[in-house]
Amino acid sequence: MRLWASQAEVEADERDGLTSSEREELAALRRENRRLREDVGILKRATAFFAKETR
């Protein structure tokens, strides 16, 4: 119950913190960031593999 009250204060701009929509956006950005980091890792390994194959 206390968490709901404090979140309501944040939503009403009476207290510092992230609003619900900001929390959702942050979570989505973190998921996207994780996926992009995985993609970069895959591309680095593929680049190393193909560089080795062409020698």
C-alpha atoms as a PDB file:
ATOM      1  CA  MET A   1       0.000   0.000   0.000  1.00  0.00           C
ATOM      2  CA  ARG A   2       2.852   2.365   0.834  1.00  0.00           C
ATOM      3  CA  LEU A   3       4.457   1.785  -2.569  1.00  0.00           C
ATOM      4  CA  TRP A   4       1.234   2.725  -4.328  1.00  0.00           C
ATOM      5  CA  ALA A   5       1.017   5.941  -2.342  1.00  0.00           C
ATOM      6  CA  SER A   6       4.608   6.912  -3.096  1.00  0.00           C
ATOM      7  CA  GLN A   7       4.151   6.057  -6.794  1.00  0.00           C
ATOM      8  CA  ALA A   8       1.011   8.193  -6.861  1.00  0.00           C
ATOM      9  CA  GLU A   9       3.057  11.083  -5.459  1.00  0.00           C
ATOM     10  CA  VAL A  10       5.656  10.585  -8.197  1.00  0.00           C
ATOM     11  CA  GLU A  11       2.924  10.517 -10.847  1.00  0.00           C
ATOM     12  CA  ALA A  12       1.467  13.744  -9.410  1.00  0.00           C
ATOM     13  CA  ASP A  13       4.930  15.333  -9.554  1.00  0.00           C
ATOM     14  CA  GLU A  14       4.988  15.755  -5.781  1.00  0.00           C
ATOM     15  CA  ARG A  15       8.022  13.528  -5.314  1.00  0.00           C
ATOM     16  CA  ASP A  16      11.194  12.759  -7.272  1.00  0.00           C
ATOM     17  CA  GLY A  17      11.325   9.492  -9.152  1.00  0.00           C
ATOM     18  CA  LEU A  18      10.321   7.756 -12.358  1.00  0.00           C
ATOM     19  CA  THR A  19       6.733   7.727 -13.518  1.00  0.00           C
ATOM     20  CA  SER A  20       5.160   4.490 -14.697  1.00  0.00           C
ATOM     21  CA  SER A  21       5.611   5.421 -18.346  1.00  0.00           C
ATOM     22  CA  GLU A  22       9.252   6.360 -17.721  1.00  0.00           C
ATOM     23  CA  ARG A  23       9.820   2.993 -16.010  1.00  0.00           C
ATOM     24  CA  GLU A  24       8.294   1.175 -18.980  1.00  0.00           C
ATOM     25  CA  GLU A  25      10.414   3.170 -21.424  1.00  0.00           C
ATOM     26  CA  LEU A  26      13.567   2.500 -19.384  1.00  0.00           C
ATOM     27  CA  ALA A  27      12.834  -1.229 -19.306  1.00  0.00           C
ATOM     28  CA  ALA A  28      12.238  -1.266 -23.075  1.00  0.00           C
ATOM     29  CA  LEU A  29      15.471   0.639 -23.713  1.00  0.00           C
ATOM     30  CA  ARG A  30      17.422  -1.749 -21.491  1.00  0.00           C
ATOM     31  CA  ARG A  31      15.979  -4.744 -23.389  1.00  0.00           C
ATOM     32  CA  GLU A  32      16.886  -3.141 -26.717  1.00  0.00           C
ATOM     33  CA  ASN A  33      20.375  -2.277 -25.456  1.00  0.00           C
ATOM     34  CA  ARG A  34      20.924  -5.896 -24.331  1.00  0.00           C
ATOM     35  CA  ARG A  35      19.759  -7.216 -27.713  1.00  0.00           C
ATOM     36  CA  LEU A  36      21.990  -4.794 -29.616  1.00  0.00           C
ATOM     37  CA  ARG A  37      25.005  -5.760 -27.488  1.00  0.00           C
ATOM     38  CA  GLU A  38      24.321  -9.419 -28.299  1.00  0.00           C
ATOM     39  CA  ASP A  39      24.061  -8.551 -32.003  1.00  0.00           C
ATOM     40  CA  VAL A  40      27.395  -6.704 -31.871  1.00  0.00           C
ATOM     41  CA  GLY A  41      28.994  -9.714 -30.180  1.00  0.00           C
ATOM     42  CA  ILE A  42      27.671 -12.038 -32.880  1.00  0.00           C
ATOM     43  CA  LEU A  43      28.918  -9.731 -35.623  1.00  0.00           C
ATOM     44  CA  LYS A  44      32.375  -9.514 -34.023  1.00  0.00           C
ATOM     45  CA  ARG A  45      32.633 -13.309 -33.872  1.00  0.00           C
ATOM     46  CA  ALA A  46      31.418 -13.624 -37.474  1.00  0.00           C
ATOM     47  CA  THR A  47      33.943 -11.029 -38.618  1.00  0.00           C
ATOM     48  CA  ALA A  48      36.762 -12.883 -36.872  1.00  0.00           C
ATOM     49  CA  PHE A  49      35.618 -16.174 -38.401  1.00  0.00           C
ATOM     50  CA  PHE A  50      35.459 -14.835 -41.953  1.00  0.00           C
ATOM     51  CA  ALA A  51      38.749 -12.970 -41.558  1.00  0.00           C
ATOM     52  CA  LYS A  52      40.377 -16.273 -40.612  1.00  0.00           C
ATOM     53  CA  GLU A  53      38.758 -18.081 -43.550  1.00  0.00           C
ATOM     54  CA  THR A  54      40.044 -15.620 -46.158  1.00  0.00           C
ATOM     55  CA  ARG A  55      43.693 -15.985 -45.137  1.00  0.00           C
END
